[in-house]
């Protein structure tokens, strides 16, 4: 139960960061595309032109949909060992999942992005200094216990937290068409 409440807090953090990213006004195009690799390179270029290039390894993060990731995985560059530092296949067997990295960019696949599974998924590439999130550690108050009279366990976890856009030039919205990967009724 306690782990479940931590997961709920984690989802709230994700939602706040995605909402802050969604306030960015820069994008790769006004129309959605399925060219994930092209959008990836466009995002890197746009961040560079906006003076938000990576200073340290891992400063740039891509938050993308499952469809974006699937289109990216179709490219030979994404699976080529010259570009990646984590192999995806070991003797034909998928390796254990962890933070994906491609061309020094952290890749997070998230199902909570706006428009997931539609023709207008909002994926984001951003510099770590472009968005901030804070949690008030003093008021973070996880409690758990057991009510003997009613014979049930309980857990409560509350916190004050917020996310904000810090640098508009460090956030690029990548509009992706993920409708091909959406489920259909048969």
Protein backbone atom coordinates (compact mmCIF):
# COMPACT_ATOMS: atom_id res chain seq x y z
CA UNK A 1 0.00 0.00 0.00
CA UNK A 2 2.78 2.43 0.87
CA UNK A 3 4.52 1.71 -2.43
CA UNK A 4 1.21 2.32 -4.17
CA UNK A 5 0.94 5.78 -2.61
CA UNK A 6 4.50 6.54 -3.74
CA UNK A 7 3.49 5.59 -7.27
CA UNK A 8 0.52 7.97 -7.07
CA UNK A 9 2.83 10.81 -5.95
CA UNK A 10 5.21 9.91 -8.81
CA UNK A 11 2.37 10.11 -11.35
CA UNK A 12 1.41 13.52 -9.96
CA UNK A 13 5.02 14.70 -10.40
CA UNK A 14 4.97 13.40 -13.99
CA UNK A 15 1.67 15.18 -14.70
CA UNK A 16 2.99 18.47 -13.31
CA UNK A 17 6.18 18.28 -15.38
CA UNK A 18 4.25 17.37 -18.55
CA UNK A 19 1.89 20.30 -17.93
CA UNK A 20 4.89 22.64 -17.55
CA UNK A 21 6.43 21.28 -20.75
CA UNK A 22 3.13 21.80 -22.54
CA UNK A 23 3.40 25.56 -21.90
CA UNK A 24 6.43 25.72 -24.19
CA UNK A 25 5.70 27.57 -27.42
CA UNK A 26 8.41 26.18 -29.72
CA UNK A 27 7.81 23.17 -31.95
CA UNK A 28 9.11 21.26 -34.92
CA UNK A 29 6.00 21.66 -37.08
CA UNK A 30 2.33 22.58 -36.98
CA UNK A 31 1.47 19.23 -38.55
CA UNK A 32 2.09 15.80 -37.08
CA UNK A 33 4.55 13.39 -38.65
CA UNK A 34 5.61 9.77 -38.29
CA UNK A 35 9.27 10.57 -39.04
CA UNK A 36 10.50 10.08 -35.48
CA UNK A 37 14.20 10.17 -36.38
CA UNK A 38 13.75 13.39 -38.37
CA UNK A 39 11.85 14.97 -35.48
CA UNK A 40 14.56 13.79 -33.05
CA UNK A 41 17.29 15.50 -35.12
CA UNK A 42 15.10 18.58 -35.59
CA UNK A 43 14.60 18.83 -31.83
CA UNK A 44 18.35 18.62 -31.20
CA UNK A 45 19.03 21.28 -33.84
CA UNK A 46 16.33 23.58 -32.48
CA UNK A 47 17.72 23.29 -28.96
CA UNK A 48 21.18 24.09 -30.32
CA UNK A 49 19.96 27.15 -32.20
CA UNK A 50 18.16 28.23 -29.03
CA UNK A 51 21.43 28.01 -27.06
CA UNK A 52 20.10 25.14 -24.98
CA UNK A 53 22.58 22.52 -26.08
CA UNK A 54 23.86 19.92 -23.70
CA UNK A 55 26.75 20.92 -21.49
CA UNK A 56 27.01 17.56 -19.74
CA UNK A 57 26.06 14.12 -20.93
CA UNK A 58 22.36 13.51 -20.25
CA UNK A 59 21.26 17.18 -20.05
CA UNK A 60 18.77 16.66 -22.88
CA UNK A 61 15.68 14.47 -22.38
CA UNK A 62 13.04 13.26 -24.81
CA UNK A 63 9.62 12.39 -23.39
CA UNK A 64 7.79 10.50 -26.09
CA UNK A 65 4.82 8.28 -26.76
CA UNK A 66 4.96 4.56 -27.35
CA UNK A 67 4.19 5.22 -31.03
CA UNK A 68 7.07 7.71 -31.36
CA UNK A 69 9.40 5.19 -29.77
CA UNK A 70 8.15 2.44 -32.10
CA UNK A 71 8.82 4.63 -35.14
CA UNK A 72 12.26 5.53 -33.79
CA UNK A 73 13.03 1.85 -33.18
CA UNK A 74 12.40 1.13 -36.88
CA UNK A 75 15.45 3.17 -37.89
CA UNK A 76 18.89 1.63 -38.33
CA UNK A 77 20.49 4.59 -36.55
CA UNK A 78 18.55 3.95 -33.34
CA UNK A 79 19.77 0.36 -33.02
CA UNK A 80 23.31 0.99 -34.32
CA UNK A 81 26.00 0.58 -31.63
CA UNK A 82 27.86 3.64 -32.93
CA UNK A 83 25.04 5.90 -31.75
CA UNK A 84 23.80 4.20 -28.58
CA UNK A 85 25.47 3.32 -25.30
CA UNK A 86 22.90 0.69 -24.23
CA UNK A 87 22.40 -2.32 -26.46
CA UNK A 88 18.80 -3.29 -27.02
CA UNK A 89 19.47 -6.84 -28.17
CA UNK A 90 21.97 -9.34 -26.81
CA UNK A 91 22.23 -12.35 -29.15
CA UNK A 92 18.76 -11.57 -30.44
CA UNK A 93 17.22 -11.34 -26.95
CA UNK A 94 15.98 -7.94 -25.70
CA UNK A 95 18.04 -6.55 -22.82
CA UNK A 96 16.50 -5.45 -19.52
CA UNK A 97 14.76 -2.07 -19.88
CA UNK A 98 16.22 0.99 -18.23
CA UNK A 99 16.58 4.63 -19.18
CA UNK A 100 17.04 4.64 -22.93
CA UNK A 101 19.81 6.79 -24.38
CA UNK A 102 20.37 7.78 -27.99
CA UNK A 103 23.04 10.25 -29.08
CA UNK A 104 23.56 11.32 -25.41
CA UNK A 105 19.83 12.07 -25.03
CA UNK A 106 17.76 10.41 -22.28
CA UNK A 107 14.58 8.87 -23.70
CA UNK A 108 11.52 8.35 -21.52
CA UNK A 109 8.50 6.57 -22.99
CA UNK A 110 5.40 7.88 -21.23
CA UNK A 111 1.76 7.00 -21.80
CA UNK A 112 0.52 10.20 -20.13
CA UNK A 113 1.46 12.67 -22.86
CA UNK A 114 -1.29 14.74 -24.46
CA UNK A 115 -2.97 13.00 -27.38
CA UNK A 116 -1.35 9.60 -26.78
CA UNK A 117 -2.48 7.15 -29.47
CA UNK A 118 -3.91 9.85 -31.74
CA UNK A 119 -2.72 11.72 -34.82
CA UNK A 120 -1.48 14.59 -32.62
CA UNK A 121 0.68 13.22 -29.83
CA UNK A 122 2.68 15.94 -28.05
CA UNK A 123 6.19 14.66 -27.37
CA UNK A 124 8.86 16.93 -25.87
CA UNK A 125 12.62 17.31 -26.09
CA UNK A 126 14.03 19.61 -23.44
CA UNK A 127 17.13 20.69 -21.59
CA UNK A 128 17.19 19.88 -17.88
CA UNK A 129 17.47 23.60 -17.04
CA UNK A 130 14.30 24.44 -18.99
CA UNK A 131 11.83 22.98 -16.49
CA UNK A 132 11.89 22.71 -12.74
CA UNK A 133 10.02 20.71 -10.14
CA UNK A 134 10.10 21.09 -6.36
CA UNK A 135 8.63 19.21 -3.44
CA UNK A 136 8.38 20.70 0.04
CA UNK A 137 10.30 18.12 2.07
CA UNK A 138 9.18 19.65 5.35
CA UNK A 139 5.49 19.02 4.68
CA UNK A 140 5.90 15.68 2.88
CA UNK A 141 3.98 13.49 5.28
CA UNK A 142 3.53 9.79 4.49
CA UNK A 143 1.57 7.97 7.20
CA UNK A 144 0.35 4.39 7.45
CA UNK A 145 -1.35 2.29 10.06
CA UNK A 146 -3.91 -0.32 10.97
CA UNK A 147 -7.42 0.16 12.34
CA UNK A 148 -8.05 -2.82 14.64
CA UNK A 149 -11.71 -1.99 15.25
CA UNK A 150 -12.59 -2.13 11.53
CA UNK A 151 -9.76 -4.54 10.59
CA UNK A 152 -8.21 -2.58 7.73
CA UNK A 153 -4.88 -1.01 6.88
CA UNK A 154 -4.55 2.53 5.66
CA UNK A 155 -1.96 4.80 4.12
CA UNK A 156 -2.00 8.53 3.47
CA UNK A 157 0.63 10.51 1.65
CA UNK A 158 0.39 14.24 1.07
CA UNK A 159 2.83 16.82 -0.19
CA UNK A 160 3.05 20.31 -1.61
CA UNK A 161 4.78 20.36 -4.97
CA UNK A 162 4.84 22.28 -8.25
CA UNK A 163 6.53 22.37 -11.65
CA UNK A 164 7.30 25.39 -13.82
CA UNK A 165 8.74 26.24 -17.21
CA UNK A 166 12.02 28.07 -16.65
CA UNK A 167 13.34 28.59 -20.20
CA UNK A 168 11.03 28.53 -23.20
CA UNK A 169 13.98 28.14 -25.60
CA UNK A 170 14.93 24.88 -23.91
CA UNK A 171 11.65 23.06 -24.71
CA UNK A 172 10.74 21.77 -28.17
CA UNK A 173 7.36 20.17 -28.84
CA UNK A 174 7.49 17.30 -31.34
CA UNK A 175 4.04 16.66 -32.84
CA UNK A 176 3.83 12.97 -33.70
CA UNK A 177 1.18 10.94 -35.52
CA UNK A 178 0.75 7.81 -33.41
CA UNK A 179 -2.67 6.85 -34.75
CA UNK A 180 -1.24 3.83 -36.59
CA UNK A 181 -0.45 2.27 -33.22
CA UNK A 182 -3.83 2.95 -31.61
CA UNK A 183 -6.02 -0.04 -30.81
CA UNK A 184 -9.02 -0.78 -33.01
CA UNK A 185 -12.19 -2.71 -32.42
CA UNK A 186 -12.36 -5.95 -34.40
